[in-house]
Amino acid sequence: MVGKIAGKFHRDTLFVSFTFIHGANKKLTFKNPMAFLKLGNELILGNGKIETIMGTSYFVKEESINFDSVKYKFSKVDCIHK
């Protein structure tokens, strides 16, 4: 899987769009919304209800994003320059 991520913070939550290519067909791209809660030096990937309208996926506005029962937490690390 190869992709790009772009987004911005809204208070303590980073909302991003993940655009990626999966599989052999390099012309077919997918786009998924993602939300990360920033707590200290961690970004916590949230789970939320997603709907697709006219081929574009969004988090459902009336539904909250769950940051408690999560699979992934990302920690801040220092960059290594070579």
Protein backbone atom coordinates (compact mmCIF):
# COMPACT_ATOMS: atom_id res chain seq x y z
CA MET A 1 0.00 0.00 0.00
CA VAL A 2 1.34 3.43 -0.98
CA GLY A 3 -0.34 6.67 0.02
CA LYS A 4 -0.36 10.26 1.17
CA ILE A 5 -1.83 11.85 4.27
CA ALA A 6 -3.00 15.47 4.56
CA GLY A 7 -4.94 17.26 7.27
CA LYS A 8 -5.06 19.83 10.02
CA PHE A 9 -5.70 20.18 13.71
CA HIS A 10 -9.01 21.29 15.15
CA ARG A 11 -8.15 21.96 18.80
CA ASP A 12 -6.60 18.69 20.10
CA THR A 13 -7.77 16.49 17.21
CA LEU A 14 -5.96 15.98 13.91
CA PHE A 15 -8.42 15.28 11.07
CA VAL A 16 -6.76 13.83 7.98
CA SER A 17 -7.56 12.36 4.61
CA PHE A 18 -5.54 9.26 3.70
CA THR A 19 -5.33 8.75 -0.08
CA PHE A 20 -3.77 5.47 -1.16
CA ILE A 21 -3.29 2.85 -3.87
CA HIS A 22 -3.87 -0.76 -2.92
CA GLY A 23 -3.19 -3.75 -5.11
CA ALA A 24 -2.06 -4.08 -8.70
CA ASN A 25 -4.30 -1.41 -10.28
CA LYS A 26 -2.18 1.75 -9.87
CA LYS A 27 -4.90 3.95 -11.41
CA LEU A 28 -7.49 3.11 -8.73
CA THR A 29 -7.11 5.26 -5.61
CA PHE A 30 -8.97 5.13 -2.31
CA LYS A 31 -9.53 7.93 0.20
CA ASN A 32 -10.33 7.41 3.89
CA PRO A 33 -10.93 9.94 6.66
CA MET A 34 -8.96 9.47 9.87
CA ALA A 35 -8.94 11.27 13.23
CA PHE A 36 -6.13 11.34 15.80
CA LEU A 37 -6.47 12.71 19.33
CA LYS A 38 -3.28 14.37 20.63
CA LEU A 39 -2.60 13.47 24.27
CA GLY A 40 0.85 14.53 25.42
CA ASN A 41 3.37 12.92 23.06
CA GLU A 42 0.84 10.43 21.65
CA LEU A 43 -1.57 10.47 18.73
CA ILE A 44 -4.49 8.10 19.29
CA LEU A 45 -6.29 6.82 16.19
CA GLY A 46 -10.04 7.11 16.74
CA ASN A 47 -12.92 4.95 15.55
CA GLY A 48 -16.04 6.56 14.12
CA LYS A 49 -19.00 5.95 11.89
CA ILE A 50 -18.18 6.79 8.26
CA GLU A 51 -20.59 7.54 5.43
CA THR A 52 -19.87 7.87 1.72
CA ILE A 53 -21.58 10.51 -0.39
CA MET A 54 -20.88 10.79 -4.13
CA GLY A 55 -17.74 8.66 -3.79
CA THR A 56 -16.23 10.61 -0.88
CA SER A 57 -16.11 9.23 2.68
CA TYR A 58 -16.68 11.39 5.77
CA PHE A 59 -17.16 10.91 9.49
CA VAL A 60 -20.88 11.16 10.33
CA LYS A 61 -21.32 14.59 11.95
CA GLU A 62 -23.98 13.49 14.45
CA GLU A 63 -21.82 10.60 15.73
CA SER A 64 -18.88 11.01 18.10
CA ILE A 65 -15.46 9.55 17.41
CA ASN A 66 -14.31 6.99 20.00
CA PHE A 67 -10.77 7.47 21.28
CA ASP A 68 -11.12 5.03 24.23
CA SER A 69 -11.43 1.59 22.57
CA VAL A 70 -8.61 1.92 20.05
CA LYS A 71 -6.18 -0.37 18.24
CA TYR A 72 -3.39 2.11 17.54
CA LYS A 73 -1.47 4.73 19.52
CA PHE A 74 1.50 6.52 17.99
CA SER A 75 4.34 7.95 20.09
CA LYS A 76 6.56 10.90 19.26
CA VAL A 77 10.12 9.98 18.29
CA ASP A 78 13.16 12.02 17.35
CA CYS A 79 14.14 12.11 13.68
CA ILE A 80 17.42 10.50 12.71
CA HIS A 81 19.38 12.35 10.03
CA LYS A 82 21.71 10.34 7.82
